[in-house]
N, C-alpha and C. Protein backbone atom coordinates (compact mmCIF):
# COMPACT_ATOMS: atom_id res chain seq x y z
N MET A 1 -39.72 12.70 -190.90
CA MET A 1 -38.71 12.97 -191.43
C MET A 1 -37.88 14.28 -190.91
N ASP A 2 -36.85 14.31 -190.58
CA ASP A 2 -36.72 15.56 -190.06
C ASP A 2 -35.82 16.29 -191.30
N SER A 3 -34.86 17.34 -191.07
CA SER A 3 -34.47 18.31 -192.34
C SER A 3 -33.12 17.29 -192.77
N ASN A 4 -32.54 16.42 -192.37
CA ASN A 4 -31.60 15.54 -192.89
C ASN A 4 -31.89 14.16 -193.66
N GLY A 5 -33.49 14.46 -193.31
CA GLY A 5 -34.13 13.11 -194.20
C GLY A 5 -34.12 11.64 -193.57
N SER A 6 -33.93 11.77 -192.27
CA SER A 6 -33.74 10.47 -191.53
C SER A 6 -35.23 10.34 -190.63
N ASP A 7 -35.46 9.13 -190.28
CA ASP A 7 -36.48 8.93 -189.49
C ASP A 7 -36.31 9.04 -187.97
N GLU A 8 -35.15 8.74 -187.74
CA GLU A 8 -35.01 8.56 -186.31
C GLU A 8 -35.09 9.94 -185.45
N PRO A 9 -35.80 9.50 -184.32
CA PRO A 9 -35.73 10.67 -183.36
C PRO A 9 -34.75 11.25 -182.95
N LYS A 10 -34.57 12.68 -182.55
CA LYS A 10 -33.52 13.18 -182.21
C LYS A 10 -33.49 13.22 -180.62
N SER A 11 -32.28 13.06 -180.10
CA SER A 11 -31.90 12.99 -178.94
C SER A 11 -32.30 14.14 -178.19
N PRO A 12 -32.62 14.02 -176.90
CA PRO A 12 -33.14 15.43 -176.37
C PRO A 12 -31.65 16.05 -175.67
N VAL A 13 -30.78 15.21 -175.65
CA VAL A 13 -29.38 15.91 -175.29
C VAL A 13 -28.05 15.70 -176.27
N PRO A 14 -27.68 17.04 -176.74
CA PRO A 14 -26.71 16.68 -177.56
C PRO A 14 -25.59 15.52 -177.01
N SER A 15 -24.69 14.78 -178.01
CA SER A 15 -24.02 13.56 -177.42
C SER A 15 -22.65 14.43 -176.85
N ASP A 16 -22.35 15.88 -177.21
CA ASP A 16 -21.25 15.91 -176.10
C ASP A 16 -21.45 16.79 -174.92
N GLU A 17 -22.43 16.97 -174.73
CA GLU A 17 -23.16 17.54 -173.27
C GLU A 17 -24.00 16.40 -172.36
N SER A 18 -23.73 16.64 -171.29
CA SER A 18 -24.58 15.97 -170.23
C SER A 18 -26.02 16.79 -170.18
N PRO A 19 -26.96 15.81 -169.46
CA PRO A 19 -28.21 16.90 -169.30
C PRO A 19 -28.66 18.11 -168.59
N ALA A 20 -27.50 18.06 -167.65
CA ALA A 20 -27.34 19.42 -166.86
C ALA A 20 -26.91 21.07 -167.76
N GLY A 21 -26.17 20.17 -169.16
CA GLY A 21 -25.72 21.11 -169.83
C GLY A 21 -24.05 21.14 -169.03
N ARG A 22 -23.59 20.21 -168.40
CA ARG A 22 -22.32 20.33 -167.90
C ARG A 22 -21.51 19.40 -168.88
N GLU A 23 -20.06 19.63 -168.80
CA GLU A 23 -19.24 18.90 -169.50
C GLU A 23 -19.33 17.52 -169.51
N LYS A 24 -18.82 16.61 -170.70
CA LYS A 24 -18.66 15.55 -170.44
C LYS A 24 -17.76 14.93 -169.63
N LEU A 25 -18.03 13.73 -168.51
CA LEU A 25 -16.82 13.59 -167.94
C LEU A 25 -16.09 12.07 -168.56
N ASP A 26 -14.87 12.10 -168.34
CA ASP A 26 -14.12 10.85 -168.76
C ASP A 26 -13.31 9.78 -167.99
N LEU A 27 -13.23 8.94 -168.25
CA LEU A 27 -12.03 8.14 -167.14
C LEU A 27 -10.78 9.08 -166.70
N GLY A 28 -10.83 8.80 -165.62
CA GLY A 28 -9.56 9.65 -165.05
C GLY A 28 -9.91 11.16 -164.34
N ASP A 29 -11.11 11.77 -164.37
CA ASP A 29 -11.35 12.94 -164.30
C ASP A 29 -11.61 12.93 -163.00
N LEU A 30 -11.07 14.10 -162.35
CA LEU A 30 -11.30 14.41 -160.62
C LEU A 30 -12.47 15.15 -160.66
N VAL A 31 -13.57 14.46 -159.96
CA VAL A 31 -14.81 15.15 -160.03
C VAL A 31 -15.14 15.43 -158.60
N VAL A 32 -16.75 16.07 -158.23
CA VAL A 32 -16.94 16.55 -156.74
C VAL A 32 -18.67 15.80 -157.14
N VAL A 33 -19.23 15.40 -156.22
CA VAL A 33 -20.47 15.18 -156.12
C VAL A 33 -21.13 16.58 -156.17
N ASP A 34 -22.12 16.92 -156.59
CA ASP A 34 -22.71 18.18 -156.60
C ASP A 34 -24.39 17.91 -156.58
N GLN A 35 -24.69 17.23 -155.43
CA GLN A 35 -26.21 17.12 -155.40
C GLN A 35 -26.75 17.54 -153.88
N LYS A 36 -27.18 18.47 -153.82
CA LYS A 36 -28.04 18.99 -152.49
C LYS A 36 -28.69 17.61 -151.81
N GLY A 37 -28.59 17.73 -150.85
CA GLY A 37 -28.86 16.72 -149.79
C GLY A 37 -28.29 15.30 -150.10
N HIS A 38 -27.72 14.68 -150.85
CA HIS A 38 -26.88 13.70 -150.94
C HIS A 38 -26.11 13.37 -150.03
N PRO A 39 -26.22 12.17 -149.26
CA PRO A 39 -25.11 12.02 -148.37
C PRO A 39 -23.50 11.74 -148.42
N TYR A 40 -23.14 12.15 -150.04
CA TYR A 40 -21.72 12.02 -150.54
C TYR A 40 -21.66 13.59 -151.21
N ASN A 41 -22.29 14.32 -151.03
CA ASN A 41 -22.42 16.07 -151.37
C ASN A 41 -20.84 16.50 -150.93
N CYS A 42 -20.43 16.93 -151.89
CA CYS A 42 -18.94 17.76 -152.02
C CYS A 42 -18.03 16.83 -151.57
N ARG A 43 -18.32 15.79 -151.52
CA ARG A 43 -17.13 14.34 -151.64
C ARG A 43 -16.55 14.59 -152.99
N THR A 44 -15.11 14.20 -152.81
CA THR A 44 -14.33 14.05 -154.47
C THR A 44 -13.99 12.45 -154.48
N GLY A 45 -13.48 12.48 -155.85
CA GLY A 45 -13.00 11.19 -156.04
C GLY A 45 -12.59 11.46 -157.81
N LYS A 46 -12.44 10.01 -158.20
CA LYS A 46 -11.86 9.92 -159.58
C LYS A 46 -12.89 8.96 -160.44
N VAL A 47 -13.39 9.33 -161.71
CA VAL A 47 -14.02 8.44 -162.33
C VAL A 47 -13.05 7.38 -162.98
N ILE A 48 -13.65 5.81 -162.49
CA ILE A 48 -12.99 4.72 -163.08
C ILE A 48 -13.64 3.97 -164.02
N GLY A 49 -15.23 4.21 -164.17
CA GLY A 49 -15.70 3.46 -165.03
C GLY A 49 -17.22 4.07 -165.62
N ARG A 50 -17.62 3.76 -166.49
CA ARG A 50 -19.12 3.95 -166.83
C ARG A 50 -19.91 2.55 -166.97
N ARG A 51 -21.20 2.32 -166.55
CA ARG A 51 -21.92 1.50 -166.29
C ARG A 51 -23.23 1.74 -167.07
N GLY A 52 -23.42 1.93 -168.02
CA GLY A 52 -24.88 1.86 -168.64
C GLY A 52 -25.40 3.46 -168.54
N GLU A 53 -26.85 3.36 -168.75
CA GLU A 53 -27.17 4.91 -168.55
C GLU A 53 -28.36 4.77 -167.39
N TYR A 54 -28.47 5.85 -166.64
CA TYR A 54 -29.30 6.39 -165.71
C TYR A 54 -30.48 6.82 -166.17
N ALA A 55 -30.43 7.59 -167.37
CA ALA A 55 -31.53 8.34 -168.24
C ALA A 55 -30.82 8.31 -169.47
N PRO A 56 -31.69 8.74 -170.52
CA PRO A 56 -31.24 8.72 -172.18
C PRO A 56 -30.01 10.25 -171.69
N GLY A 57 -28.86 9.61 -172.37
CA GLY A 57 -27.94 11.01 -172.36
C GLY A 57 -27.43 11.05 -170.92
N ASP A 58 -27.54 10.40 -170.09
CA ASP A 58 -27.02 10.53 -168.44
C ASP A 58 -26.33 9.16 -168.21
N PRO A 59 -25.40 9.11 -168.33
CA PRO A 59 -24.46 7.39 -167.87
C PRO A 59 -24.18 7.59 -166.25
N TRP A 60 -24.14 6.58 -165.84
CA TRP A 60 -23.79 5.77 -164.61
C TRP A 60 -22.50 6.00 -164.76
N LEU A 61 -21.72 6.59 -163.91
CA LEU A 61 -20.28 6.50 -163.74
C LEU A 61 -19.86 5.83 -162.49
N MET A 62 -18.84 5.02 -162.33
CA MET A 62 -18.37 4.52 -161.24
C MET A 62 -17.02 5.41 -160.88
N VAL A 63 -17.41 6.00 -159.62
CA VAL A 63 -16.32 6.72 -158.92
C VAL A 63 -15.73 6.23 -157.83
N LEU A 64 -14.26 6.36 -157.41
CA LEU A 64 -13.61 6.00 -156.42
C LEU A 64 -13.38 7.24 -155.63
N VAL A 65 -14.28 7.04 -154.50
CA VAL A 65 -14.47 8.42 -153.54
C VAL A 65 -13.34 8.36 -152.27
N ASP A 66 -12.62 9.36 -152.59
CA ASP A 66 -11.22 9.64 -151.99
C ASP A 66 -11.38 9.33 -150.34
N LEU A 67 -12.27 9.92 -149.55
CA LEU A 67 -12.43 9.70 -148.26
C LEU A 67 -12.56 8.32 -147.66
N GLU A 68 -13.32 7.54 -148.60
CA GLU A 68 -14.07 6.24 -148.28
C GLU A 68 -13.37 4.84 -149.00
N ARG A 69 -12.48 5.39 -149.93
CA ARG A 69 -11.44 5.03 -150.72
C ARG A 69 -12.61 3.31 -150.97
N ARG A 70 -13.74 3.73 -151.57
CA ARG A 70 -14.53 2.75 -152.14
C ARG A 70 -15.23 3.12 -153.54
N CYS A 71 -15.57 2.72 -154.38
CA CYS A 71 -16.14 2.98 -155.49
C CYS A 71 -17.73 2.79 -155.46
N PHE A 72 -18.30 3.82 -155.87
CA PHE A 72 -19.68 4.29 -155.71
C PHE A 72 -20.11 4.35 -157.02
N LEU A 73 -21.23 4.23 -157.59
CA LEU A 73 -22.04 4.69 -158.74
C LEU A 73 -22.83 5.97 -158.80
N PHE A 74 -22.54 6.86 -159.46
CA PHE A 74 -23.45 8.10 -159.87
C PHE A 74 -23.82 8.53 -161.08
N PRO A 75 -25.00 9.17 -161.21
CA PRO A 75 -24.95 9.48 -162.78
C PRO A 75 -24.73 10.77 -162.89
N GLN A 76 -24.19 10.76 -164.45
CA GLN A 76 -22.99 11.71 -164.57
C GLN A 76 -23.62 13.35 -164.00
N SER A 77 -24.89 13.74 -164.21
CA SER A 77 -25.52 14.84 -163.88
C SER A 77 -25.35 15.08 -162.51
N MET A 78 -25.11 14.15 -161.70
CA MET A 78 -24.80 14.43 -159.94
C MET A 78 -23.43 15.06 -159.51
N LEU A 79 -22.49 15.19 -161.24
CA LEU A 79 -21.38 15.02 -160.81
C LEU A 79 -20.88 16.50 -161.52
N ARG A 80 -19.66 16.87 -161.01
CA ARG A 80 -19.01 18.15 -161.79
C ARG A 80 -17.43 17.84 -161.63
N LEU A 81 -16.51 18.36 -162.73
CA LEU A 81 -15.31 18.44 -162.74
C LEU A 81 -14.53 19.18 -161.33
N GLN A 82 -13.78 18.76 -160.87
CA GLN A 82 -13.18 19.31 -159.49
C GLN A 82 -12.17 20.66 -160.32
N ASN A 83 -12.20 21.51 -159.38
CA ASN A 83 -11.33 22.75 -159.66
C ASN A 83 -10.49 22.83 -158.62
N ARG A 84 -9.53 23.74 -159.06
CA ARG A 84 -8.09 23.93 -158.16
C ARG A 84 -8.77 24.30 -156.77
N LYS A 85 -9.77 25.19 -156.96
CA LYS A 85 -10.42 25.95 -155.69
C LYS A 85 -10.83 24.91 -154.93
N ASP A 86 -11.38 23.90 -155.19
CA ASP A 86 -11.89 22.77 -154.48
C ASP A 86 -11.10 21.81 -153.71
N ASN A 87 -9.72 21.81 -154.02
CA ASN A 87 -8.88 21.22 -153.13
C ASN A 87 -8.96 21.51 -151.59
């Protein structure tokens, strides 16, 4: 039992943050693939859906990749918000 009196195990990741301590991504966000060695590293796209969890607290996000004009699934931990300087 924890300090709140519940028997539920605590989630290792707060619900408002992703596993890597990054911001939570929502539908319509412009993102960049940020995984060294991945074939789509540094490609940009738009989040268009969610599809379950890759790991606890790390959802699969469906991303429309700009250059390919195709949709791919990426774990949220592999993505970051696109900054203006990334354009």
